[in-house]
Structure formats: C-alpha cells, structure tokens
C-alpha cells in the first residue's frame, strides 16, 4: 500500500459520464475530464506522494 502511513482517509464520490477526478487536500492532481484518458497509475502515485 503506497500511502499506508500518510493518508488519514480517502473519499470516493460517485459521478456520471465517466468523470475521474483526483485531488489531494482540495488541490487537483488529475482530471480525466480534462485529458480524456485515465492516468498512468505509477505517475499518479508519484504525483500524490509529492504532495503528502
């Protein structure tokens, strides 16, 4: 588990239309709506780790 000691909680919010948004403490980290594709998992994990 990549964030076992750093994350107090994770919230999943259902949406429609295939929207996939990731934010950390209110800061947008990734937007499928903006890019039109799902993120590379490893790149997303690195970006999140850099914000923790």
PDB file of N, CA and C in Angstrom:
ATOM      1  N   UNK A   1       0.853  -1.177   0.000  1.00  0.00           N
ATOM      2  CA  UNK A   1       0.000   0.000   0.000  1.00  0.00           C
ATOM      3  C   UNK A   1       0.896   1.236   0.000  1.00  0.00           C
ATOM      4  N   UNK A   2       0.737   2.088  -0.976  1.00  0.00           N
ATOM      5  CA  UNK A   2       1.640   3.215  -1.197  1.00  0.00           C
ATOM      6  C   UNK A   2       1.554   4.301  -0.129  1.00  0.00           C
ATOM      7  N   UNK A   3       0.396   4.497   0.487  1.00  0.00           N
ATOM      8  CA  UNK A   3       0.199   5.640   1.384  1.00  0.00           C
ATOM      9  C   UNK A   3      -0.231   5.222   2.785  1.00  0.00           C
ATOM     10  N   UNK A   4       0.136   4.050   3.206  1.00  0.00           N
ATOM     11  CA  UNK A   4      -0.365   3.475   4.455  1.00  0.00           C
ATOM     12  C   UNK A   4      -0.218   4.401   5.659  1.00  0.00           C
ATOM     13  N   UNK A   5       0.886   5.094   5.802  1.00  0.00           N
ATOM     14  CA  UNK A   5       1.114   5.918   6.987  1.00  0.00           C
ATOM     15  C   UNK A   5       0.774   7.394   6.790  1.00  0.00           C
ATOM     16  N   UNK A   6       0.548   7.833   5.570  1.00  0.00           N
ATOM     17  CA  UNK A   6       0.372   9.254   5.296  1.00  0.00           C
ATOM     18  C   UNK A   6      -1.066   9.701   5.077  1.00  0.00           C
ATOM     19  N   UNK A   7      -1.982   8.774   4.838  1.00  0.00           N
ATOM     20  CA  UNK A   7      -3.346   9.144   4.476  1.00  0.00           C
ATOM     21  C   UNK A   7      -4.296   8.800   5.610  1.00  0.00           C
ATOM     22  N   UNK A   8      -5.023   9.816   6.081  1.00  0.00           N
ATOM     23  CA  UNK A   8      -5.998   9.600   7.138  1.00  0.00           C
ATOM     24  C   UNK A   8      -7.314   9.074   6.616  1.00  0.00           C
ATOM     25  N   UNK A   9      -7.694   9.468   5.394  1.00  0.00           N
ATOM     26  CA  UNK A   9      -8.932   8.984   4.802  1.00  0.00           C
ATOM     27  C   UNK A   9      -8.923   9.217   3.298  1.00  0.00           C
ATOM     28  N   UNK A  10      -9.741   8.435   2.616  1.00  0.00           N
ATOM     29  CA  UNK A  10      -9.945   8.577   1.177  1.00  0.00           C
ATOM     30  C   UNK A  10     -11.443   8.633   0.961  1.00  0.00           C
ATOM     31  N   UNK A  11     -11.898   9.558   0.143  1.00  0.00           N
ATOM     32  CA  UNK A  11     -13.321   9.692  -0.133  1.00  0.00           C
ATOM     33  C   UNK A  11     -13.564   9.450  -1.618  1.00  0.00           C
ATOM     34  N   UNK A  12     -14.462   8.513  -1.937  1.00  0.00           N
ATOM     35  CA  UNK A  12     -14.875   8.266  -3.314  1.00  0.00           C
ATOM     36  C   UNK A  12     -16.251   8.882  -3.501  1.00  0.00           C
ATOM     37  N   UNK A  13     -16.372   9.733  -4.498  1.00  0.00           N
ATOM     38  CA  UNK A  13     -17.631  10.420  -4.753  1.00  0.00           C
ATOM     39  C   UNK A  13     -18.152   9.977  -6.116  1.00  0.00           C
ATOM     40  N   UNK A  14     -19.276   9.259  -6.150  1.00  0.00           N
ATOM     41  CA  UNK A  14     -19.826   8.798  -7.421  1.00  0.00           C
ATOM     42  C   UNK A  14     -20.155   9.972  -8.338  1.00  0.00           C
ATOM     43  N   UNK A  15     -19.995   9.739  -9.625  1.00  0.00           N
ATOM     44  CA  UNK A  15     -20.281  10.768 -10.616  1.00  0.00           C
ATOM     45  C   UNK A  15     -20.877  10.091 -11.846  1.00  0.00           C
ATOM     46  N   UNK A  16     -21.221  10.879 -12.835  1.00  0.00           N
ATOM     47  CA  UNK A  16     -21.762  10.336 -14.077  1.00  0.00           C
ATOM     48  C   UNK A  16     -20.864  10.721 -15.242  1.00  0.00           C
ATOM     49  N   UNK A  17     -21.061  10.046 -16.346  1.00  0.00           N
ATOM     50  CA  UNK A  17     -20.353  10.422 -17.563  1.00  0.00           C
ATOM     51  C   UNK A  17     -18.894  10.021 -17.614  1.00  0.00           C
ATOM     52  N   UNK A  18     -18.454   9.078 -16.776  1.00  0.00           N
ATOM     53  CA  UNK A  18     -17.076   8.612 -16.823  1.00  0.00           C
ATOM     54  C   UNK A  18     -16.055   9.596 -16.302  1.00  0.00           C
ATOM     55  N   UNK A  19     -16.477  10.539 -15.481  1.00  0.00           N
ATOM     56  CA  UNK A  19     -15.553  11.532 -14.929  1.00  0.00           C
ATOM     57  C   UNK A  19     -14.702  10.879 -13.844  1.00  0.00           C
ATOM     58  N   UNK A  20     -13.390  11.098 -13.905  1.00  0.00           N
ATOM     59  CA  UNK A  20     -12.448  10.562 -12.915  1.00  0.00           C
ATOM     60  C   UNK A  20     -11.549  11.710 -12.495  1.00  0.00           C
ATOM     61  N   UNK A  21     -11.756  12.204 -11.285  1.00  0.00           N
ATOM     62  CA  UNK A  21     -11.002  13.347 -10.779  1.00  0.00           C
ATOM     63  C   UNK A  21     -10.259  12.927  -9.516  1.00  0.00           C
ATOM     64  N   UNK A  22      -9.014  13.344  -9.381  1.00  0.00           N
ATOM     65  CA  UNK A  22      -8.228  13.048  -8.186  1.00  0.00           C
ATOM     66  C   UNK A  22      -7.740  14.368  -7.616  1.00  0.00           C
ATOM     67  N   UNK A  23      -7.976  14.570  -6.315  1.00  0.00           N
ATOM     68  CA  UNK A  23      -7.462  15.773  -5.658  1.00  0.00           C
ATOM     69  C   UNK A  23      -6.887  15.392  -4.302  1.00  0.00           C
ATOM     70  N   UNK A  24      -5.922  16.174  -3.860  1.00  0.00           N
ATOM     71  CA  UNK A  24      -5.290  15.978  -2.560  1.00  0.00           C
ATOM     72  C   UNK A  24      -5.426  17.282  -1.797  1.00  0.00           C
ATOM     73  N   UNK A  25      -6.119  17.236  -0.661  1.00  0.00           N
ATOM     74  CA  UNK A  25      -6.348  18.431   0.160  1.00  0.00           C
ATOM     75  C   UNK A  25      -6.911  19.585  -0.667  1.00  0.00           C
ATOM     76  N   UNK A  26      -7.852  19.261  -1.555  1.00  0.00           N
ATOM     77  CA  UNK A  26      -8.505  20.277  -2.364  1.00  0.00           C
ATOM     78  C   UNK A  26      -7.747  20.694  -3.610  1.00  0.00           C
ATOM     79  N   UNK A  27      -6.531  20.192  -3.800  1.00  0.00           N
ATOM     80  CA  UNK A  27      -5.721  20.539  -4.973  1.00  0.00           C
ATOM     81  C   UNK A  27      -5.898  19.458  -6.040  1.00  0.00           C
ATOM     82  N   UNK A  28      -6.288  19.861  -7.254  1.00  0.00           N
ATOM     83  CA  UNK A  28      -6.471  18.910  -8.340  1.00  0.00           C
ATOM     84  C   UNK A  28      -5.143  18.256  -8.707  1.00  0.00           C
ATOM     85  N   UNK A  29      -5.160  16.925  -8.782  1.00  0.00           N
ATOM     86  CA  UNK A  29      -3.968  16.160  -9.135  1.00  0.00           C
ATOM     87  C   UNK A  29      -4.124  15.561 -10.530  1.00  0.00           C
ATOM     88  N   UNK A  30      -5.344  15.154 -10.877  1.00  0.00           N
ATOM     89  CA  UNK A  30      -5.591  14.566 -12.189  1.00  0.00           C
ATOM     90  C   UNK A  30      -7.051  14.737 -12.558  1.00  0.00           C
ATOM     91  N   UNK A  31      -7.307  14.976 -13.839  1.00  0.00           N
ATOM     92  CA  UNK A  31      -8.667  15.113 -14.337  1.00  0.00           C
ATOM     93  C   UNK A  31      -8.824  14.351 -15.648  1.00  0.00           C
ATOM     94  N   UNK A  32      -9.571  13.251 -15.619  1.00  0.00           N
ATOM     95  CA  UNK A  32      -9.868  12.517 -16.850  1.00  0.00           C
ATOM     96  C   UNK A  32     -10.740  13.377 -17.754  1.00  0.00           C
ATOM     97  N   UNK A  33     -11.570  14.203 -17.159  1.00  0.00           N
ATOM     98  CA  UNK A  33     -12.426  15.091 -17.947  1.00  0.00           C
ATOM     99  C   UNK A  33     -11.576  16.030 -18.801  1.00  0.00           C
ATOM    100  N   UNK A  34     -10.467  16.514 -18.243  1.00  0.00           N
ATOM    101  CA  UNK A  34      -9.594  17.437 -18.971  1.00  0.00           C
ATOM    102  C   UNK A  34      -8.721  16.724 -20.005  1.00  0.00           C
ATOM    103  N   UNK A  35      -8.256  15.494 -19.680  1.00  0.00           N
ATOM    104  CA  UNK A  35      -7.325  14.791 -20.567  1.00  0.00           C
ATOM    105  C   UNK A  35      -8.006  13.816 -21.517  1.00  0.00           C
ATOM    106  N   UNK A  36      -9.197  13.338 -21.129  1.00  0.00           N
ATOM    107  CA  UNK A  36      -9.898  12.366 -21.956  1.00  0.00           C
ATOM    108  C   UNK A  36      -9.408  10.935 -21.788  1.00  0.00           C
ATOM    109  N   UNK A  37      -8.497  10.705 -20.853  1.00  0.00           N
ATOM    110  CA  UNK A  37      -7.983   9.350 -20.631  1.00  0.00           C
ATOM    111  C   UNK A  37      -7.656   9.128 -19.163  1.00  0.00           C
ATOM    112  N   UNK A  38      -7.573   7.849 -18.786  1.00  0.00           N
ATOM    113  CA  UNK A  38      -7.195   7.532 -17.415  1.00  0.00           C
ATOM    114  C   UNK A  38      -5.701   7.757 -17.241  1.00  0.00           C
ATOM    115  N   UNK A  39      -5.269   8.099 -16.025  1.00  0.00           N
ATOM    116  CA  UNK A  39      -3.845   8.383 -15.795  1.00  0.00           C
ATOM    117  C   UNK A  39      -3.008   7.113 -15.740  1.00  0.00           C
ATOM    118  N   UNK A  40      -1.723   7.267 -15.968  1.00  0.00           N
ATOM    119  CA  UNK A  40      -0.770   6.197 -15.710  1.00  0.00           C
ATOM    120  C   UNK A  40      -0.711   6.036 -14.192  1.00  0.00           C
ATOM    121  N   UNK A  41      -0.956   4.827 -13.708  1.00  0.00           N
ATOM    122  CA  UNK A  41      -1.054   4.602 -12.261  1.00  0.00           C
ATOM    123  C   UNK A  41       0.220   5.005 -11.519  1.00  0.00           C
ATOM    124  N   UNK A  42       1.378   4.621 -12.035  1.00  0.00           N
ATOM    125  CA  UNK A  42       2.636   4.941 -11.352  1.00  0.00           C
ATOM    126  C   UNK A  42       2.881   6.447 -11.307  1.00  0.00           C
ATOM    127  N   UNK A  43       2.577   7.139 -12.392  1.00  0.00           N
ATOM    128  CA  UNK A  43       2.752   8.591 -12.423  1.00  0.00           C
ATOM    129  C   UNK A  43       1.810   9.266 -11.434  1.00  0.00           C
ATOM    130  N   UNK A  44       0.584   8.759 -11.338  1.00  0.00           N
ATOM    131  CA  UNK A  44      -0.384   9.328 -10.405  1.00  0.00           C
ATOM    132  C   UNK A  44       0.074   9.125  -8.962  1.00  0.00           C
ATOM    133  N   UNK A  45       0.574   7.940  -8.643  1.00  0.00           N
ATOM    134  CA  UNK A  45       1.063   7.663  -7.289  1.00  0.00           C
ATOM    135  C   UNK A  45       2.232   8.590  -6.956  1.00  0.00           C
ATOM    136  N   UNK A  46       3.165   8.771  -7.888  1.00  0.00           N
ATOM    137  CA  UNK A  46       4.307   9.673  -7.650  1.00  0.00           C
ATOM    138  C   UNK A  46       3.832  11.099  -7.392  1.00  0.00           C
ATOM    139  N   UNK A  47       2.858  11.555  -8.176  1.00  0.00           N
ATOM    140  CA  UNK A  47       2.362  12.922  -8.006  1.00  0.00           C
ATOM    141  C   UNK A  47       1.688  13.092  -6.644  1.00  0.00           C
ATOM    142  N   UNK A  48       0.889  12.113  -6.243  1.00  0.00           N
ATOM    143  CA  UNK A  48       0.227  12.181  -4.939  1.00  0.00           C
ATOM    144  C   UNK A  48       1.266  12.166  -3.820  1.00  0.00           C
ATOM    145  N   UNK A  49       2.257  11.275  -3.915  1.00  0.00           N
ATOM    146  CA  UNK A  49       3.308  11.206  -2.888  1.00  0.00           C
ATOM    147  C   UNK A  49       4.030  12.538  -2.746  1.00  0.00           C
ATOM    148  N   UNK A  50       4.237  13.242  -3.854  1.00  0.00           N
ATOM    149  CA  UNK A  50       4.952  14.519  -3.788  1.00  0.00           C
ATOM    150  C   UNK A  50       4.165  15.580  -3.029  1.00  0.00           C
ATOM    151  N   UNK A  51       2.853  15.393  -2.912  1.00  0.00           N
ATOM    152  CA  UNK A  51       2.009  16.366  -2.214  1.00  0.00           C
ATOM    153  C   UNK A  51       1.783  16.021  -0.745  1.00  0.00           C
ATOM    154  N   UNK A  52       2.194  14.837  -0.331  1.00  0.00           N
ATOM    155  CA  UNK A  52       1.975  14.415   1.060  1.00  0.00           C
ATOM    156  C   UNK A  52       3.151  14.761   1.935  1.00  0.00           C
TER     157      UNK A  52
END
